[in-house]
Protein backbone atom coordinates (compact mmCIF):
# COMPACT_ATOMS: atom_id res chain seq x y z
CA MET A 1 -0.01 0.01 0.03
CA GLN A 2 2.80 2.49 0.85
CA THR A 3 4.72 1.65 -2.35
CA ARG A 4 1.50 2.42 -4.34
CA ARG A 5 1.04 5.74 -2.49
CA LEU A 6 4.68 6.70 -3.19
CA ALA A 7 4.18 5.90 -6.88
CA GLN A 8 1.08 8.08 -6.97
CA ILE A 9 2.93 10.96 -5.36
CA GLY A 10 5.79 10.45 -7.79
CA ALA A 11 3.52 10.56 -10.75
CA LEU A 12 1.95 13.77 -9.41
CA VAL A 13 5.34 15.35 -9.02
CA LEU A 14 6.26 14.41 -12.59
CA VAL A 15 3.04 15.89 -13.99
CA ALA A 16 3.60 19.06 -11.96
CA ALA A 17 7.13 19.29 -13.15
CA ALA A 18 6.10 18.88 -16.82
CA SER A 19 3.41 21.54 -16.35
CA ALA A 20 5.91 23.96 -14.82
CA ARG A 21 8.44 23.33 -17.66
CA ALA A 22 5.64 24.08 -20.25
CA GLN A 23 4.46 27.26 -18.49
CA TYR A 24 7.89 28.56 -17.41
CA PRO A 25 10.46 27.32 -19.92
CA GLU A 26 13.05 29.72 -18.37
CA ILE A 27 13.21 27.88 -15.08
CA GLY A 28 16.66 26.29 -14.46
CA LEU A 29 18.29 27.85 -17.50
CA GLY A 30 20.52 30.33 -15.68
CA TRP A 31 20.59 33.95 -14.60
CA MET A 32 19.26 35.68 -17.76
CA ALA A 33 16.43 33.26 -18.17
CA GLU A 34 15.38 33.68 -14.48
CA PHE A 35 15.71 37.45 -14.70
CA SER A 36 13.58 37.41 -17.93
CA LEU A 37 10.87 35.36 -16.13
CA ALA A 38 10.81 37.53 -13.06
CA SER A 39 10.66 40.70 -15.23
CA ARG A 40 7.90 39.22 -17.37
CA GLN A 41 5.86 38.32 -14.35
CA ILE A 42 6.27 41.69 -12.66
CA LYS A 43 5.20 43.32 -15.98
CA GLU A 44 2.19 40.98 -16.27
CA LEU A 45 1.12 42.00 -12.74
CA ALA A 46 1.62 45.63 -13.51
CA GLU A 47 -0.48 45.37 -16.62
CA ALA A 48 -3.24 43.37 -14.81
CA ILE A 49 -3.64 45.96 -12.03
CA PRO A 50 -6.05 48.73 -13.08
CA ALA A 51 -4.66 52.22 -13.41
CA ASP A 52 -6.96 53.51 -10.63
CA LYS A 53 -5.30 51.07 -8.18
CA TYR A 54 -1.74 52.42 -8.78
CA SER A 55 -2.11 54.78 -5.81
CA TRP A 56 -3.40 52.03 -3.55
CA ARG A 57 -1.25 51.11 -0.54
CA PRO A 58 -1.90 48.52 2.12
CA ALA A 59 -1.32 51.01 4.94
CA PRO A 60 -0.22 54.63 5.47
CA GLY A 61 3.48 55.06 5.06
CA VAL A 62 3.84 51.86 2.95
CA ARG A 63 4.72 51.96 -0.76
CA SER A 64 1.83 52.19 -3.21
CA VAL A 65 1.54 50.02 -6.29
CA SER A 66 3.27 52.55 -8.47
CA ASP A 67 5.92 53.15 -5.80
CA VAL A 68 6.85 49.45 -5.63
CA LEU A 69 6.95 49.05 -9.43
CA MET A 70 9.09 52.23 -9.76
CA HIS A 71 11.31 50.94 -6.92
CA VAL A 72 11.96 47.81 -9.01
CA ALA A 73 12.70 49.77 -12.09
CA LEU A 74 15.07 52.22 -10.37
CA GLY A 75 16.64 49.33 -8.38
CA ASN A 76 17.48 47.68 -11.71
CA PHE A 77 19.31 50.84 -12.88
CA TYR A 78 21.04 51.38 -9.55
CA LEU A 79 22.21 47.86 -9.16
CA LEU A 80 23.29 47.64 -12.79
CA ASP A 81 25.36 50.71 -12.25
CA GLN A 82 26.85 49.28 -9.00
CA ALA A 83 27.72 46.07 -10.85
CA GLY A 84 29.86 48.00 -13.30
CA GLY A 85 27.32 48.15 -16.12
CA LYS A 86 26.71 51.22 -18.21
CA ILE A 87 23.21 52.55 -17.70
CA PRO A 88 21.61 54.62 -20.37
CA ASP A 89 22.84 58.28 -20.44
CA ASP A 90 19.36 59.70 -20.07
CA THR A 91 18.62 57.78 -16.90
CA PRO A 92 17.90 60.35 -14.13
CA ALA A 93 19.98 60.39 -10.99
CA ILE A 94 18.55 57.65 -8.75
CA ARG A 95 17.08 59.40 -5.81
CA PRO A 96 14.79 57.99 -3.16
CA ASP A 97 11.99 60.49 -4.04
CA PHE A 98 12.07 59.71 -7.78
CA GLU A 99 10.00 56.49 -7.30
CA LYS A 100 7.11 58.62 -5.97
CA LYS A 101 7.13 61.09 -8.91
CA ILE A 102 6.20 58.65 -11.64
CA THR A 103 2.68 57.34 -10.86
CA ALA A 104 0.75 56.95 -14.17
CA LYS A 105 0.32 53.31 -15.16
CA ALA A 106 1.72 53.94 -18.75
CA ASP A 107 4.71 55.75 -17.47
CA VAL A 108 5.45 53.10 -14.79
CA LEU A 109 5.17 50.34 -17.37
CA ALA A 110 7.55 52.18 -19.70
CA TRP A 111 10.09 52.55 -16.83
CA LEU A 112 9.77 48.77 -15.95
CA ASP A 113 10.41 47.89 -19.65
CA ARG A 114 13.32 50.30 -19.97
CA SER A 115 15.05 48.99 -16.81
CA ALA A 116 14.63 45.36 -17.73
CA LYS A 117 15.90 45.95 -21.28
CA ALA A 118 18.98 47.81 -19.82
CA VAL A 119 19.81 44.86 -17.56
CA LYS A 120 19.35 42.33 -20.37
CA GLN A 121 21.48 44.36 -22.69
CA VAL A 122 24.37 45.08 -20.29
CA TYR A 123 24.53 41.79 -18.42
CA PRO A 124 26.43 39.84 -21.12
CA ALA A 125 28.98 42.70 -21.48
CA VAL A 126 30.01 42.99 -17.88
CA ASP A 127 32.99 41.10 -16.47
CA ARG A 128 31.02 39.46 -13.67
CA SER A 129 34.26 38.21 -11.94
CA LYS A 130 35.43 41.75 -11.50
CA ARG A 131 36.15 42.74 -7.88
CA ILE A 132 34.10 45.71 -6.71
CA LYS A 133 32.87 47.48 -3.64
CA PHE A 134 29.19 47.34 -3.00
CA LEU A 135 27.63 48.81 0.08
CA GLY A 136 31.05 49.14 1.67
CA LYS A 137 31.93 45.40 1.04
CA ASP A 138 34.40 43.69 -1.21
CA THR A 139 32.47 41.60 -3.75
CA THR A 140 32.12 40.79 -7.40
CA SER A 141 29.93 42.10 -10.15
CA ASP A 142 28.29 38.72 -10.28
CA ALA A 143 27.18 39.09 -6.64
CA VAL A 144 25.47 42.37 -7.45
CA PHE A 145 23.72 40.78 -10.42
CA LEU A 146 22.40 38.14 -8.04
CA ARG A 147 21.05 40.99 -5.92
CA ILE A 148 19.18 42.26 -9.04
CA LEU A 149 17.51 38.88 -9.45
CA VAL A 150 16.71 38.56 -5.71
CA HIS A 151 15.35 42.07 -5.57
CA SER A 152 13.08 41.37 -8.56
CA HIS A 153 11.64 38.23 -6.92
CA GLU A 154 11.26 39.93 -3.56
CA HIS A 155 9.06 42.68 -5.06
CA MET A 156 7.23 40.30 -7.39
CA GLY A 157 6.11 38.55 -4.23
CA GLN A 158 5.00 41.90 -2.83
CA MET A 159 3.22 42.69 -6.01
CA ILE A 160 1.36 39.35 -5.94
CA ALA A 161 0.10 40.24 -2.49
CA TYR A 162 -0.82 43.73 -3.58
CA ALA A 163 -2.64 42.43 -6.66
CA ARG A 164 -4.63 39.99 -4.63
CA MET A 165 -5.59 42.66 -2.12
CA VAL A 166 -7.03 44.79 -4.91
CA GLY A 167 -8.94 41.86 -6.39
CA VAL A 168 -6.47 41.01 -9.23
CA THR A 169 -5.42 37.35 -9.75
CA PRO A 170 -1.88 37.02 -11.15
CA PRO A 171 -2.35 36.29 -14.88
CA TRP A 172 -0.22 33.10 -14.81
CA SER A 173 -2.24 31.48 -12.00
CA LYS A 174 -5.74 31.80 -13.59
């Protein structure tokens, strides 16, 4: 009986793995593929959330929907610069107040796209083994690129929670 149960569980795991591979072909294919998936999902969430909810925040003093999305976009530029990558010349100085200045859905989506494209373009050109200082610590460019990926996933999780709180189901889980 126990062997049969284990076989059933194993079959379910294989079906789930095949489904995940079909839905998320990027999984397990390295840094760029994982960043592309995270960026795509953040953009899908940003597109699914209605424009009138971009000012919504879960509590006073907490980032709004547009604040979080702009924080991701600006974080991409900041971390790309810290990793030794060249950010576009027309990127404004990254200041903490900037994420609160861009609030219109179309503008936020444009910034998300622009920052993801910059990361994807620059990543292959950076010597990721280069030793750098980051937040006062000796590290490598590669470690800062890892921070870009982790930062994207951190705020994607936050955006999933925000979306659900405003009545939006993440598009990939419908």
